[in-house]
N, C-alpha and C. Protein backbone atom coordinates (compact mmCIF):
# COMPACT_ATOMS: atom_id res chain seq x y z
N MET A 1 1.51 -11.36 -17.41
CA MET A 1 0.66 -11.07 -16.35
C MET A 1 -0.71 -11.90 -16.50
N THR A 2 -0.94 -12.72 -15.51
CA THR A 2 -2.23 -13.41 -15.61
C THR A 2 -3.32 -12.56 -15.03
N ASN A 3 -4.34 -12.40 -15.78
CA ASN A 3 -5.45 -11.52 -15.36
C ASN A 3 -4.95 -10.15 -14.98
N ASN A 4 -3.97 -9.65 -15.73
CA ASN A 4 -3.41 -8.33 -15.41
C ASN A 4 -2.86 -8.21 -13.99
N PHE A 5 -2.34 -9.29 -13.45
CA PHE A 5 -1.93 -9.32 -12.09
C PHE A 5 -0.70 -10.23 -11.86
N VAL A 6 0.34 -9.70 -11.23
CA VAL A 6 1.46 -10.43 -10.80
C VAL A 6 1.70 -10.26 -9.30
N PHE A 7 2.04 -11.34 -8.64
CA PHE A 7 2.43 -11.23 -7.25
C PHE A 7 3.58 -12.17 -7.02
N GLU A 8 4.77 -11.65 -6.78
CA GLU A 8 5.98 -12.50 -6.62
C GLU A 8 6.66 -12.19 -5.29
N LYS A 9 7.04 -13.22 -4.55
CA LYS A 9 7.66 -13.12 -3.33
C LYS A 9 9.10 -13.74 -3.50
N ASP A 10 10.13 -12.99 -3.03
CA ASP A 10 11.53 -13.56 -3.17
C ASP A 10 12.18 -13.40 -1.75
N LEU A 11 12.21 -14.53 -1.07
CA LEU A 11 12.70 -14.49 0.30
C LEU A 11 14.22 -14.18 0.34
N SER A 12 14.99 -14.69 -0.66
CA SER A 12 16.47 -14.48 -0.71
C SER A 12 16.80 -12.93 -0.73
N SER A 13 15.95 -12.11 -1.46
CA SER A 13 16.13 -10.70 -1.61
C SER A 13 15.27 -9.90 -0.65
N ARG A 14 14.39 -10.58 0.08
CA ARG A 14 13.47 -9.96 0.99
C ARG A 14 12.59 -8.88 0.24
N LYS A 15 12.07 -9.38 -0.95
CA LYS A 15 11.27 -8.42 -1.77
C LYS A 15 9.96 -9.08 -2.20
N ILE A 16 8.96 -8.14 -2.39
CA ILE A 16 7.68 -8.56 -2.93
C ILE A 16 7.51 -7.67 -4.12
N HIS A 17 7.13 -8.27 -5.25
CA HIS A 17 6.89 -7.48 -6.45
C HIS A 17 5.54 -7.76 -7.01
N VAL A 18 4.73 -6.64 -7.12
CA VAL A 18 3.33 -6.74 -7.59
C VAL A 18 3.13 -5.86 -8.78
N VAL A 19 2.46 -6.36 -9.77
CA VAL A 19 2.04 -5.54 -10.88
C VAL A 19 0.52 -5.75 -11.09
N ARG A 20 -0.21 -4.72 -11.14
CA ARG A 20 -1.70 -4.80 -11.41
C ARG A 20 -2.07 -3.80 -12.41
N GLN A 21 -2.86 -4.19 -13.31
CA GLN A 21 -3.37 -3.29 -14.37
C GLN A 21 -4.82 -2.89 -14.01
N PHE A 22 -5.06 -1.60 -14.16
CA PHE A 22 -6.31 -1.05 -13.87
C PHE A 22 -6.92 -0.42 -15.17
N ASN A 23 -8.23 -0.61 -15.42
CA ASN A 23 -8.87 -0.10 -16.66
C ASN A 23 -9.32 1.29 -16.37
N ALA A 24 -8.32 2.26 -16.08
CA ALA A 24 -8.63 3.65 -15.75
C ALA A 24 -7.34 4.41 -16.15
N PRO A 25 -7.61 5.69 -16.48
CA PRO A 25 -6.48 6.53 -16.79
C PRO A 25 -5.51 6.76 -15.59
N ILE A 26 -4.24 7.04 -15.85
CA ILE A 26 -3.30 7.13 -14.88
C ILE A 26 -3.60 8.20 -13.80
N GLU A 27 -4.16 9.34 -14.21
CA GLU A 27 -4.52 10.39 -13.17
C GLU A 27 -5.49 9.92 -12.20
N LYS A 28 -6.43 9.08 -12.59
CA LYS A 28 -7.53 8.62 -11.70
C LYS A 28 -6.85 7.58 -10.76
N VAL A 29 -5.97 6.67 -11.24
CA VAL A 29 -5.33 5.66 -10.39
C VAL A 29 -4.40 6.33 -9.44
N TRP A 30 -3.65 7.23 -9.83
CA TRP A 30 -2.70 8.03 -8.99
C TRP A 30 -3.46 8.73 -7.82
N LYS A 31 -4.61 9.33 -8.12
CA LYS A 31 -5.37 10.03 -7.12
C LYS A 31 -5.87 9.03 -6.12
N ALA A 32 -6.28 7.81 -6.57
CA ALA A 32 -6.83 6.79 -5.63
C ALA A 32 -5.78 6.26 -4.66
N TRP A 33 -4.57 6.43 -5.04
CA TRP A 33 -3.41 6.01 -4.14
C TRP A 33 -2.93 7.15 -3.20
N THR A 34 -3.33 8.41 -3.54
CA THR A 34 -2.70 9.63 -2.88
C THR A 34 -3.68 10.48 -2.19
N ASP A 35 -5.02 10.34 -2.42
CA ASP A 35 -6.03 11.14 -1.74
C ASP A 35 -6.70 10.23 -0.67
N PRO A 36 -6.53 10.66 0.61
CA PRO A 36 -7.03 9.79 1.66
C PRO A 36 -8.52 9.51 1.64
N ASP A 37 -9.36 10.33 1.08
CA ASP A 37 -10.78 10.11 1.00
C ASP A 37 -11.03 8.95 0.03
N ILE A 38 -10.27 8.77 -0.96
CA ILE A 38 -10.41 7.66 -1.92
C ILE A 38 -9.66 6.41 -1.41
N LEU A 39 -8.43 6.61 -0.88
CA LEU A 39 -7.65 5.53 -0.28
C LEU A 39 -8.36 4.72 0.68
N GLU A 40 -9.14 5.44 1.57
CA GLU A 40 -9.87 4.76 2.71
C GLU A 40 -10.94 3.79 2.10
N LYS A 41 -11.40 4.09 0.86
CA LYS A 41 -12.42 3.27 0.29
C LYS A 41 -11.93 1.95 -0.16
N TRP A 42 -10.62 1.71 -0.35
CA TRP A 42 -10.19 0.49 -0.95
C TRP A 42 -8.99 -0.21 -0.16
N TRP A 43 -8.30 0.61 0.63
CA TRP A 43 -7.06 0.08 1.27
C TRP A 43 -7.46 -0.85 2.35
N GLY A 44 -6.99 -2.08 2.27
CA GLY A 44 -7.10 -3.09 3.33
C GLY A 44 -8.28 -4.03 3.00
N PRO A 45 -8.20 -5.28 3.55
CA PRO A 45 -9.19 -6.22 3.31
C PRO A 45 -10.51 -6.06 4.09
N LYS A 46 -11.63 -6.23 3.41
CA LYS A 46 -12.90 -6.23 4.14
C LYS A 46 -12.99 -7.41 5.08
N PRO A 47 -13.58 -7.23 6.23
CA PRO A 47 -14.46 -6.09 6.67
C PRO A 47 -13.76 -5.02 7.29
N TRP A 48 -12.45 -4.97 7.28
CA TRP A 48 -11.56 -3.93 7.90
C TRP A 48 -11.70 -2.72 7.00
N ILE A 49 -11.60 -1.53 7.61
CA ILE A 49 -11.57 -0.28 6.76
C ILE A 49 -10.42 0.63 7.30
N ALA A 50 -9.86 1.36 6.43
CA ALA A 50 -8.77 2.34 6.80
C ALA A 50 -9.42 3.66 7.19
N LYS A 51 -8.98 4.21 8.24
CA LYS A 51 -9.36 5.52 8.73
C LYS A 51 -8.16 6.40 8.90
N THR A 52 -8.12 7.50 8.12
CA THR A 52 -6.96 8.41 8.15
C THR A 52 -7.08 9.32 9.38
N LYS A 53 -5.93 9.39 10.06
CA LYS A 53 -5.88 10.39 11.14
C LYS A 53 -5.22 11.71 10.57
N SER A 54 -4.15 11.56 9.75
CA SER A 54 -3.52 12.66 9.05
C SER A 54 -2.80 12.18 7.79
N MET A 55 -2.86 13.12 6.77
CA MET A 55 -2.08 12.82 5.54
C MET A 55 -1.45 14.07 5.10
N ASP A 56 -0.07 13.95 4.85
CA ASP A 56 0.70 15.07 4.40
C ASP A 56 1.44 14.50 3.24
N PHE A 57 0.93 14.51 2.00
CA PHE A 57 1.56 13.89 0.85
C PHE A 57 2.59 14.80 0.32
N ARG A 58 3.79 14.79 0.82
CA ARG A 58 4.96 15.38 0.32
C ARG A 58 6.21 14.58 0.87
N ILE A 59 7.35 14.93 0.21
CA ILE A 59 8.61 14.17 0.69
C ILE A 59 8.79 14.67 2.16
N GLY A 60 8.93 13.65 3.05
CA GLY A 60 9.13 13.94 4.41
C GLY A 60 7.82 13.94 5.22
N GLY A 61 6.70 14.03 4.53
CA GLY A 61 5.32 14.03 5.07
C GLY A 61 5.00 12.58 5.38
N ALA A 62 3.74 12.41 5.98
CA ALA A 62 3.41 11.08 6.39
C ALA A 62 1.85 10.82 6.28
N TRP A 63 1.45 9.61 6.24
CA TRP A 63 -0.01 9.16 6.23
C TRP A 63 -0.03 8.36 7.57
N LEU A 64 -0.92 8.76 8.49
CA LEU A 64 -1.13 8.04 9.72
C LEU A 64 -2.52 7.61 9.68
N TYR A 65 -2.70 6.22 9.70
CA TYR A 65 -4.03 5.63 9.63
C TYR A 65 -4.22 4.48 10.51
N ALA A 66 -5.47 4.11 10.77
CA ALA A 66 -5.78 2.92 11.50
C ALA A 66 -6.56 1.95 10.65
N MET A 67 -6.29 0.72 10.69
CA MET A 67 -7.18 -0.28 10.08
C MET A 67 -8.13 -0.61 11.24
N GLU A 68 -9.42 -0.46 10.97
CA GLU A 68 -10.43 -0.71 11.98
C GLU A 68 -11.25 -1.91 11.61
N GLY A 69 -11.35 -2.83 12.68
CA GLY A 69 -12.01 -4.04 12.45
C GLY A 69 -13.50 -4.02 12.83
N PRO A 70 -14.25 -4.98 12.48
CA PRO A 70 -15.66 -4.98 12.80
C PRO A 70 -15.98 -5.03 14.28
N GLU A 71 -15.06 -5.42 15.10
CA GLU A 71 -15.35 -5.41 16.62
C GLU A 71 -14.79 -4.22 17.23
N GLY A 72 -14.35 -3.18 16.38
CA GLY A 72 -13.80 -1.94 16.98
C GLY A 72 -12.23 -2.01 17.18
N GLN A 73 -11.64 -3.05 16.68
CA GLN A 73 -10.15 -3.16 16.79
C GLN A 73 -9.53 -2.10 15.99
N LYS A 74 -8.36 -1.56 16.43
CA LYS A 74 -7.66 -0.57 15.62
C LYS A 74 -6.17 -0.97 15.59
N HIS A 75 -5.59 -1.03 14.38
CA HIS A 75 -4.20 -1.37 14.20
C HIS A 75 -3.65 -0.14 13.41
N TRP A 76 -2.76 0.61 14.04
CA TRP A 76 -2.24 1.83 13.47
C TRP A 76 -1.04 1.57 12.56
N SER A 77 -0.92 2.34 11.57
CA SER A 77 0.25 2.35 10.64
C SER A 77 0.73 3.73 10.32
N TYR A 78 2.03 3.89 10.21
CA TYR A 78 2.65 5.14 9.87
C TYR A 78 3.44 4.99 8.58
N VAL A 79 3.14 5.82 7.56
CA VAL A 79 3.77 5.74 6.21
C VAL A 79 4.46 7.08 6.00
N LYS A 80 5.82 7.08 5.89
CA LYS A 80 6.60 8.29 5.69
C LYS A 80 7.03 8.33 4.17
N PHE A 81 6.65 9.38 3.48
CA PHE A 81 6.99 9.50 2.11
C PHE A 81 8.38 9.98 1.91
N THR A 82 9.15 9.15 1.09
CA THR A 82 10.58 9.37 0.92
C THR A 82 10.85 9.85 -0.45
N ALA A 83 10.01 9.72 -1.46
CA ALA A 83 10.22 10.24 -2.78
C ALA A 83 8.88 10.39 -3.47
N ILE A 84 8.71 11.48 -4.19
CA ILE A 84 7.43 11.70 -4.98
C ILE A 84 7.78 12.29 -6.31
N GLU A 85 7.33 11.59 -7.38
CA GLU A 85 7.48 12.06 -8.70
C GLU A 85 5.96 12.14 -9.14
N PRO A 86 5.42 13.36 -9.11
CA PRO A 86 3.90 13.52 -9.29
C PRO A 86 3.43 12.81 -10.53
N GLY A 87 2.38 12.01 -10.27
CA GLY A 87 1.75 11.31 -11.32
C GLY A 87 2.36 10.05 -11.82
N THR A 88 3.60 9.79 -11.41
CA THR A 88 4.30 8.48 -11.90
C THR A 88 4.93 7.67 -10.90
N ARG A 89 5.36 8.16 -9.63
CA ARG A 89 5.97 7.34 -8.73
C ARG A 89 5.97 8.00 -7.34
N PHE A 90 5.81 7.11 -6.28
CA PHE A 90 6.22 7.59 -4.97
C PHE A 90 6.73 6.46 -4.21
N ALA A 91 7.55 6.75 -3.23
CA ALA A 91 8.19 5.81 -2.38
C ALA A 91 7.90 6.13 -0.87
N ALA A 92 7.83 5.19 -0.04
CA ALA A 92 7.50 5.41 1.32
C ALA A 92 8.03 4.26 2.19
N ASP A 93 8.29 4.57 3.49
CA ASP A 93 8.60 3.55 4.47
C ASP A 93 7.35 3.48 5.36
N SER A 94 6.94 2.20 5.65
CA SER A 94 5.76 1.98 6.34
C SER A 94 6.00 1.02 7.50
N LEU A 95 5.38 1.37 8.65
CA LEU A 95 5.51 0.47 9.81
C LEU A 95 4.31 0.56 10.74
N PHE A 96 4.10 -0.43 11.54
CA PHE A 96 3.06 -0.42 12.51
C PHE A 96 3.45 0.46 13.58
N SER A 97 2.47 1.25 14.16
CA SER A 97 2.67 2.34 15.05
C SER A 97 1.61 2.43 16.10
N ASP A 98 1.74 3.52 17.00
CA ASP A 98 0.63 3.83 17.87
C ASP A 98 -0.18 4.90 17.16
N GLU A 99 -1.18 5.45 17.88
CA GLU A 99 -2.07 6.46 17.21
C GLU A 99 -1.33 7.79 16.95
N ASN A 100 -0.04 7.92 17.53
CA ASN A 100 0.63 9.15 17.29
C ASN A 100 1.79 8.96 16.33
N GLY A 101 1.84 7.80 15.64
CA GLY A 101 2.91 7.57 14.67
C GLY A 101 4.17 7.03 15.23
N ASN A 102 4.23 6.74 16.49
CA ASN A 102 5.44 6.17 17.06
C ASN A 102 5.53 4.68 16.78
N ALA A 103 6.70 4.24 16.33
CA ALA A 103 6.82 2.84 15.87
C ALA A 103 6.50 1.90 16.99
N ALA A 104 5.81 0.79 16.68
CA ALA A 104 5.41 -0.22 17.58
C ALA A 104 6.79 -1.03 17.81
N PRO A 105 6.96 -1.55 19.10
CA PRO A 105 8.17 -2.28 19.42
C PRO A 105 8.30 -3.39 18.42
N GLY A 106 9.49 -3.49 17.84
CA GLY A 106 9.84 -4.59 16.88
C GLY A 106 9.08 -4.49 15.57
N ALA A 107 8.51 -3.37 15.27
CA ALA A 107 7.70 -3.17 14.03
C ALA A 107 8.66 -3.31 12.78
N PRO A 108 8.26 -4.19 11.83
CA PRO A 108 9.09 -4.35 10.63
C PRO A 108 8.81 -3.03 9.71
N VAL A 109 9.89 -2.53 9.11
CA VAL A 109 9.74 -1.46 8.21
C VAL A 109 9.70 -1.96 6.78
N GLY A 110 8.61 -1.58 6.08
CA GLY A 110 8.53 -2.01 4.67
C GLY A 110 8.90 -0.76 3.82
N HIS A 111 9.77 -1.01 2.89
CA HIS A 111 10.12 0.10 1.92
C HIS A 111 9.30 -0.14 0.63
N TRP A 112 8.44 0.75 0.44
CA TRP A 112 7.53 0.69 -0.83
C TRP A 112 8.04 1.56 -1.88
N ASP A 113 8.00 1.06 -3.15
CA ASP A 113 8.32 1.90 -4.30
C ASP A 113 7.14 1.64 -5.25
N ASN A 114 6.34 2.59 -5.46
CA ASN A 114 5.10 2.49 -6.28
C ASN A 114 5.21 3.20 -7.61
N LYS A 115 5.10 2.51 -8.76
CA LYS A 115 5.24 3.24 -10.00
C LYS A 115 3.91 3.09 -10.74
N PHE A 116 3.58 4.13 -11.45
CA PHE A 116 2.36 4.24 -12.21
C PHE A 116 2.66 4.49 -13.70
N VAL A 117 2.25 3.53 -14.59
CA VAL A 117 2.63 3.53 -15.94
C VAL A 117 1.40 3.48 -16.84
N ALA A 118 1.17 4.50 -17.68
CA ALA A 118 0.06 4.55 -18.59
C ALA A 118 0.29 3.57 -19.76
N VAL A 119 -0.73 2.79 -19.99
CA VAL A 119 -0.74 1.83 -21.10
C VAL A 119 -1.99 1.99 -21.88
N GLY A 120 -1.99 2.90 -22.91
CA GLY A 120 -3.15 3.20 -23.61
C GLY A 120 -4.07 4.03 -22.60
N GLY A 121 -5.30 3.59 -22.42
CA GLY A 121 -6.22 4.29 -21.42
C GLY A 121 -6.24 3.51 -20.12
N LYS A 122 -5.28 2.53 -20.04
CA LYS A 122 -5.18 1.78 -18.73
C LYS A 122 -3.96 2.20 -18.00
N THR A 123 -3.81 1.68 -16.78
CA THR A 123 -2.67 2.05 -15.95
C THR A 123 -2.09 0.77 -15.22
N ASN A 124 -0.84 0.56 -15.37
CA ASN A 124 -0.18 -0.49 -14.64
C ASN A 124 0.40 0.23 -13.47
N VAL A 125 0.20 -0.50 -12.20
CA VAL A 125 0.76 -0.07 -11.05
C VAL A 125 1.78 -1.17 -10.68
N VAL A 126 3.05 -0.75 -10.40
CA VAL A 126 4.16 -1.65 -10.13
C VAL A 126 4.60 -1.33 -8.73
N VAL A 127 4.46 -2.28 -7.83
CA VAL A 127 4.81 -2.07 -6.40
C VAL A 127 5.98 -2.98 -6.09
N ASP A 128 7.09 -2.39 -5.68
CA ASP A 128 8.17 -3.21 -5.09
C ASP A 128 8.35 -2.85 -3.60
N LEU A 129 8.13 -3.93 -2.79
CA LEU A 129 8.19 -3.79 -1.37
C LEU A 129 9.34 -4.60 -0.82
N SER A 130 10.21 -3.93 -0.15
CA SER A 130 11.42 -4.63 0.39
C SER A 130 11.62 -4.42 1.91
N PHE A 131 12.34 -5.36 2.49
CA PHE A 131 12.49 -5.30 3.92
C PHE A 131 14.09 -5.45 4.24
N ASP A 132 14.52 -4.84 5.34
CA ASP A 132 15.83 -4.95 5.72
C ASP A 132 16.26 -6.32 6.34
N GLN A 133 15.30 -6.91 7.06
CA GLN A 133 15.50 -8.17 7.76
C GLN A 133 14.59 -9.32 7.09
N GLU A 134 15.17 -10.46 6.98
CA GLU A 134 14.40 -11.61 6.52
C GLU A 134 13.16 -11.91 7.51
N ALA A 135 13.48 -11.75 8.68
CA ALA A 135 12.38 -12.00 9.65
C ALA A 135 11.18 -11.05 9.44
N ASP A 136 11.42 -9.84 9.12
CA ASP A 136 10.38 -8.84 8.84
C ASP A 136 9.57 -9.27 7.58
N PHE A 137 10.27 -9.69 6.56
CA PHE A 137 9.68 -10.17 5.32
C PHE A 137 8.72 -11.35 5.67
N LYS A 138 9.31 -12.26 6.45
CA LYS A 138 8.50 -13.51 6.76
C LYS A 138 7.25 -13.24 7.58
N MET A 139 7.42 -12.16 8.54
CA MET A 139 6.28 -11.84 9.42
C MET A 139 5.18 -11.26 8.61
N LEU A 140 5.48 -10.38 7.61
CA LEU A 140 4.45 -9.82 6.73
C LEU A 140 3.69 -10.95 5.92
N VAL A 141 4.52 -11.84 5.39
CA VAL A 141 3.91 -12.86 4.54
C VAL A 141 2.97 -13.76 5.40
N GLU A 142 3.46 -14.07 6.59
CA GLU A 142 2.75 -14.92 7.57
C GLU A 142 1.43 -14.29 8.07
N MET A 143 1.45 -12.95 8.07
CA MET A 143 0.23 -12.22 8.47
C MET A 143 -0.81 -12.18 7.38
N GLY A 144 -0.52 -12.74 6.24
CA GLY A 144 -1.51 -12.84 5.14
C GLY A 144 -1.44 -11.63 4.25
N PHE A 145 -0.25 -10.96 4.13
CA PHE A 145 -0.21 -9.81 3.26
C PHE A 145 -0.63 -10.00 1.85
N GLU A 146 -0.31 -11.13 1.21
CA GLU A 146 -0.72 -11.38 -0.12
C GLU A 146 -2.25 -11.36 -0.36
N GLY A 147 -2.88 -12.07 0.54
CA GLY A 147 -4.38 -12.10 0.44
C GLY A 147 -5.04 -10.77 0.70
N GLY A 148 -4.52 -10.06 1.69
CA GLY A 148 -5.13 -8.80 2.06
C GLY A 148 -4.79 -7.66 1.01
N PHE A 149 -3.61 -7.61 0.50
CA PHE A 149 -3.26 -6.69 -0.49
C PHE A 149 -4.04 -6.92 -1.80
N THR A 150 -4.08 -8.21 -2.14
CA THR A 150 -4.86 -8.58 -3.36
C THR A 150 -6.28 -8.16 -3.17
N MET A 151 -6.95 -8.39 -2.10
CA MET A 151 -8.27 -7.93 -1.83
C MET A 151 -8.43 -6.42 -1.93
N GLY A 152 -7.52 -5.73 -1.41
CA GLY A 152 -7.47 -4.28 -1.57
C GLY A 152 -7.42 -3.79 -3.00
N LEU A 153 -6.51 -4.39 -3.73
CA LEU A 153 -6.38 -4.08 -5.16
C LEU A 153 -7.66 -4.38 -5.95
N ASN A 154 -8.27 -5.52 -5.58
CA ASN A 154 -9.55 -5.86 -6.17
C ASN A 154 -10.63 -4.75 -5.85
N GLN A 155 -10.67 -4.34 -4.65
CA GLN A 155 -11.58 -3.26 -4.27
C GLN A 155 -11.29 -1.94 -5.03
N LEU A 156 -10.03 -1.68 -5.21
CA LEU A 156 -9.69 -0.60 -5.99
C LEU A 156 -10.14 -0.68 -7.48
N ASP A 157 -9.94 -1.92 -8.06
CA ASP A 157 -10.41 -2.14 -9.37
C ASP A 157 -11.91 -1.86 -9.44
N GLU A 158 -12.75 -2.33 -8.53
CA GLU A 158 -14.20 -2.08 -8.59
C GLU A 158 -14.48 -0.66 -8.43
N LEU A 159 -13.74 0.02 -7.52
CA LEU A 159 -13.98 1.47 -7.33
C LEU A 159 -13.66 2.30 -8.64
N LEU A 160 -12.65 1.94 -9.33
CA LEU A 160 -12.28 2.61 -10.52
C LEU A 160 -13.22 2.27 -11.72
N GLY A 161 -13.81 1.10 -11.61
CA GLY A 161 -14.76 0.66 -12.68
C GLY A 161 -15.88 1.57 -12.98
């Protein structure tokens, strides 16, 4: 891991693999990913900010939020939690939606599997993001996901510091 960070894209398997180490205990990192008040402080690239409409962190529950831009733009996302192992892992399906969580036409579904691993007093977060369709994978990459997600993780690193 260079600078405690790995970002790999594999078009043939339609997967993105990210590993990021944070200089914080696992409980603090887990909370930053699962508590909407903290999540809003780092999720997404500046100057955009995440605003939660609802969060129900349980299997079958969902996080509905908007990415709000500096000109008042809003892009909604709906994240449905499919697995939760408290403190160590959660999985979710994420898609672009309207303000009520209804899927946007043609919205790609990203399957997230997020693992949290304690390494001494630090925490490795391992994110595996996969897509059913190659076109969906390409769309996310072309939208600048790598840069935006990296910026968000850097913001989380600062927040945890």
